[in-house]
C-alpha atoms as a PDB file:
ATOM      1  CA  UNK A   1     -25.241  73.145 197.627  1.00  0.00           C
ATOM      2  CA  UNK A   2     -24.822  70.891 200.054  1.00  0.00           C
ATOM      3  CA  UNK A   3     -23.823  67.480 198.844  1.00  0.00           C
ATOM      4  CA  UNK A   4     -26.836  64.488 200.986  1.00  0.00           C
ATOM      5  CA  UNK A   5     -24.368  60.957 200.869  1.00  0.00           C
ATOM      6  CA  UNK A   6     -27.222  58.593 203.098  1.00  0.00           C
ATOM      7  CA  UNK A   7     -26.283  55.281 203.969  1.00  0.00           C
ATOM      8  CA  UNK A   8     -27.415  52.287 206.484  1.00  0.00           C
ATOM      9  CA  UNK A   9     -30.007  50.887 203.180  1.00  0.00           C
ATOM     10  CA  UNK A  10     -29.917  47.181 203.414  1.00  0.00           C
ATOM     11  CA  UNK A  11     -32.704  44.145 203.138  1.00  0.00           C
ATOM     12  CA  UNK A  12     -34.250  43.244 206.555  1.00  0.00           C
ATOM     13  CA  UNK A  13     -37.269  40.934 207.934  1.00  0.00           C
ATOM     14  CA  UNK A  14     -40.458  41.988 208.226  1.00  0.00           C
ATOM     15  CA  UNK A  15     -41.156  43.390 211.690  1.00  0.00           C
ATOM     16  CA  UNK A  16     -37.060  43.930 211.492  1.00  0.00           C
ATOM     17  CA  UNK A  17     -35.917  47.536 211.773  1.00  0.00           C
ATOM     18  CA  UNK A  18     -32.996  49.542 210.191  1.00  0.00           C
ATOM     19  CA  UNK A  19     -31.677  53.238 210.807  1.00  0.00           C
ATOM     20  CA  UNK A  20     -30.530  55.068 208.097  1.00  0.00           C
ATOM     21  CA  UNK A  21     -28.483  57.839 208.319  1.00  0.00           C
ATOM     22  CA  UNK A  22     -27.793  60.790 205.834  1.00  0.00           C
ATOM     23  CA  UNK A  23     -24.829  62.950 205.923  1.00  0.00           C
ATOM     24  CA  UNK A  24     -23.848  66.722 204.887  1.00  0.00           C
ATOM     25  CA  UNK A  25     -21.383  68.359 203.628  1.00  0.00           C
ATOM     26  CA  UNK A  26     -21.116  71.936 202.226  1.00  0.00           C
ATOM     27  CA  UNK A  27     -23.057  75.184 203.527  1.00  0.00           C
ATOM     28  CA  UNK A  28     -23.200  74.925 207.039  1.00  0.00           C
ATOM     29  CA  UNK A  29     -26.134  72.160 207.946  1.00  0.00           C
ATOM     30  CA  UNK A  30     -27.572  74.008 210.801  1.00  0.00           C
ATOM     31  CA  UNK A  31     -29.229  76.572 208.265  1.00  0.00           C
ATOM     32  CA  UNK A  32     -30.687  73.659 206.650  1.00  0.00           C
ATOM     33  CA  UNK A  33     -33.819  72.152 207.555  1.00  0.00           C
ATOM     34  CA  UNK A  34     -34.317  68.027 207.096  1.00  0.00           C
ATOM     35  CA  UNK A  35     -36.302  65.651 205.413  1.00  0.00           C
ATOM     36  CA  UNK A  36     -36.278  62.199 204.241  1.00  0.00           C
ATOM     37  CA  UNK A  37     -38.666  60.908 200.667  1.00  0.00           C
ATOM     38  CA  UNK A  38     -39.357  57.207 198.960  1.00  0.00           C
ATOM     39  CA  UNK A  39     -39.778  56.590 195.898  1.00  0.00           C
ATOM     40  CA  UNK A  40     -41.454  52.352 195.791  1.00  0.00           C
ATOM     41  CA  UNK A  41     -40.657  50.924 192.303  1.00  0.00           C
ATOM     42  CA  UNK A  42     -43.508  52.648 190.110  1.00  0.00           C
ATOM     43  CA  UNK A  43     -44.916  54.793 192.616  1.00  0.00           C
ATOM     44  CA  UNK A  44     -44.538  58.153 192.929  1.00  0.00           C
ATOM     45  CA  UNK A  45     -42.198  59.752 194.609  1.00  0.00           C
ATOM     46  CA  UNK A  46     -43.411  59.352 198.856  1.00  0.00           C
ATOM     47  CA  UNK A  47     -43.414  62.099 201.783  1.00  0.00           C
ATOM     48  CA  UNK A  48     -41.875  60.381 204.941  1.00  0.00           C
ATOM     49  CA  UNK A  49     -40.822  63.410 207.103  1.00  0.00           C
ATOM     50  CA  UNK A  50     -39.224  66.169 207.921  1.00  0.00           C
ATOM     51  CA  UNK A  51     -37.652  68.008 210.463  1.00  0.00           C
ATOM     52  CA  UNK A  52     -37.153  71.421 211.158  1.00  0.00           C
ATOM     53  CA  UNK A  53     -33.357  73.803 211.513  1.00  0.00           C
ATOM     54  CA  UNK A  54     -33.089  72.769 215.250  1.00  0.00           C
ATOM     55  CA  UNK A  55     -35.104  69.134 215.463  1.00  0.00           C
ATOM     56  CA  UNK A  56     -37.600  70.966 217.895  1.00  0.00           C
ATOM     57  CA  UNK A  57     -39.743  70.550 215.406  1.00  0.00           C
ATOM     58  CA  UNK A  58     -41.154  67.531 213.618  1.00  0.00           C
ATOM     59  CA  UNK A  59     -43.825  66.200 210.874  1.00  0.00           C
ATOM     60  CA  UNK A  60     -44.102  62.870 209.536  1.00  0.00           C
ATOM     61  CA  UNK A  61     -46.298  61.536 206.719  1.00  0.00           C
ATOM     62  CA  UNK A  62     -50.047  60.845 208.377  1.00  0.00           C
ATOM     63  CA  UNK A  63     -49.336  56.889 206.699  1.00  0.00           C
ATOM     64  CA  UNK A  64     -46.425  56.086 209.103  1.00  0.00           C
ATOM     65  CA  UNK A  65     -46.273  58.119 212.945  1.00  0.00           C
ATOM     66  CA  UNK A  66     -45.639  55.544 214.914  1.00  0.00           C
ATOM     67  CA  UNK A  67     -43.280  53.597 213.629  1.00  0.00           C
ATOM     68  CA  UNK A  68     -40.458  55.962 211.815  1.00  0.00           C
ATOM     69  CA  UNK A  69     -38.486  58.679 213.922  1.00  0.00           C
ATOM     70  CA  UNK A  70     -36.212  61.458 212.048  1.00  0.00           C
ATOM     71  CA  UNK A  71     -33.619  62.763 214.471  1.00  0.00           C
ATOM     72  CA  UNK A  72     -30.733  65.002 213.711  1.00  0.00           C
ATOM     73  CA  UNK A  73     -26.915  65.864 215.343  1.00  0.00           C
ATOM     74  CA  UNK A  74     -26.514  69.583 213.836  1.00  0.00           C
ATOM     75  CA  UNK A  75     -23.021  68.502 215.362  1.00  0.00           C
ATOM     76  CA  UNK A  76     -22.316  64.988 213.608  1.00  0.00           C
ATOM     77  CA  UNK A  77     -24.333  67.078 210.668  1.00  0.00           C
ATOM     78  CA  UNK A  78     -26.512  64.364 210.258  1.00  0.00           C
ATOM     79  CA  UNK A  79     -30.345  63.774 209.637  1.00  0.00           C
ATOM     80  CA  UNK A  80     -31.300  59.961 211.009  1.00  0.00           C
ATOM     81  CA  UNK A  81     -34.309  57.692 210.094  1.00  0.00           C
ATOM     82  CA  UNK A  82     -35.543  55.267 212.694  1.00  0.00           C
ATOM     83  CA  UNK A  83     -37.399  52.620 210.836  1.00  0.00           C
ATOM     84  CA  UNK A  84     -39.651  50.236 213.373  1.00  0.00           C
ATOM     85  CA  UNK A  85     -41.987  47.427 212.318  1.00  0.00           C
ATOM     86  CA  UNK A  86     -40.907  47.056 209.222  1.00  0.00           C
ATOM     87  CA  UNK A  87     -43.941  45.541 206.767  1.00  0.00           C
ATOM     88  CA  UNK A  88     -43.154  43.975 203.056  1.00  0.00           C
ATOM     89  CA  UNK A  89     -44.581  47.651 201.510  1.00  0.00           C
ATOM     90  CA  UNK A  90     -41.716  50.205 202.958  1.00  0.00           C
ATOM     91  CA  UNK A  91     -39.160  48.522 200.569  1.00  0.00           C
ATOM     92  CA  UNK A  92     -38.419  51.698 198.515  1.00  0.00           C
ATOM     93  CA  UNK A  93     -35.585  53.856 197.762  1.00  0.00           C
ATOM     94  CA  UNK A  94     -35.082  56.324 200.903  1.00  0.00           C
ATOM     95  CA  UNK A  95     -34.167  59.426 200.270  1.00  0.00           C
ATOM     96  CA  UNK A  96     -32.782  62.749 202.570  1.00  0.00           C
ATOM     97  CA  UNK A  97     -33.192  65.968 201.858  1.00  0.00           C
ATOM     98  CA  UNK A  98     -32.751  69.693 202.521  1.00  0.00           C
ATOM     99  CA  UNK A  99     -34.205  73.541 202.822  1.00  0.00           C
ATOM    100  CA  UNK A 100     -32.921  76.375 203.277  1.00  0.00           C
ATOM    101  CA  UNK A 101     -34.719  77.071 206.647  1.00  0.00           C
ATOM    102  CA  UNK A 102     -36.092  79.339 209.596  1.00  0.00           C
ATOM    103  CA  UNK A 103     -36.241  78.756 212.689  1.00  0.00           C
ATOM    104  CA  UNK A 104     -38.761  76.502 214.214  1.00  0.00           C
ATOM    105  CA  UNK A 105     -40.214  76.136 210.248  1.00  0.00           C
ATOM    106  CA  UNK A 106     -40.015  72.327 209.568  1.00  0.00           C
ATOM    107  CA  UNK A 107     -39.787  72.206 205.344  1.00  0.00           C
ATOM    108  CA  UNK A 108     -42.815  71.462 203.393  1.00  0.00           C
ATOM    109  CA  UNK A 109     -42.690  68.380 200.914  1.00  0.00           C
ATOM    110  CA  UNK A 110     -42.043  71.612 197.929  1.00  0.00           C
ATOM    111  CA  UNK A 111     -39.030  72.938 199.943  1.00  0.00           C
ATOM    112  CA  UNK A 112     -36.357  70.966 199.153  1.00  0.00           C
ATOM    113  CA  UNK A 113     -32.856  72.115 196.465  1.00  0.00           C
ATOM    114  CA  UNK A 114     -31.111  69.352 197.827  1.00  0.00           C
ATOM    115  CA  UNK A 115     -31.592  65.182 197.319  1.00  0.00           C
ATOM    116  CA  UNK A 116     -29.596  62.721 197.673  1.00  0.00           C
ATOM    117  CA  UNK A 117     -28.571  59.890 195.784  1.00  0.00           C
ATOM    118  CA  UNK A 118     -30.693  56.790 197.561  1.00  0.00           C
ATOM    119  CA  UNK A 119     -30.800  54.188 200.057  1.00  0.00           C
ATOM    120  CA  UNK A 120     -32.308  50.946 198.662  1.00  0.00           C
ATOM    121  CA  UNK A 121     -34.763  49.515 202.093  1.00  0.00           C
ATOM    122  CA  UNK A 122     -35.728  45.859 200.570  1.00  0.00           C
ATOM    123  CA  UNK A 123     -38.265  43.912 203.539  1.00  0.00           C
ATOM    124  CA  UNK A 124     -38.896  40.805 202.992  1.00  0.00           C
ATOM    125  CA  UNK A 125     -42.120  38.577 204.207  1.00  0.00           C
END
């Protein structure tokens, strides 16, 4: 099992940027496809982005593509989410997730088995 700890959340004005980080410990990080999800108050958890083990394959939520960028550094056991042009509707708790994966497969939304505790992102208007 891999342990995940998110950081980098906070309060930002609309139009601003944040970079979230998710540090992994435990089993070999490079064995896991990684993902980011978010959950706004009163709403269901929403898929944001996912990345394959090597970082060579990526998938985004259609509604967020172009503003958010997922990346990973296997040497640092860390996955990132760069968020630009933030909007008040991006306010949510952002979660990092991991899925044992193979090759260039990007995990599907229901494949993730390990989750972090989340980091709050608040975008003011």
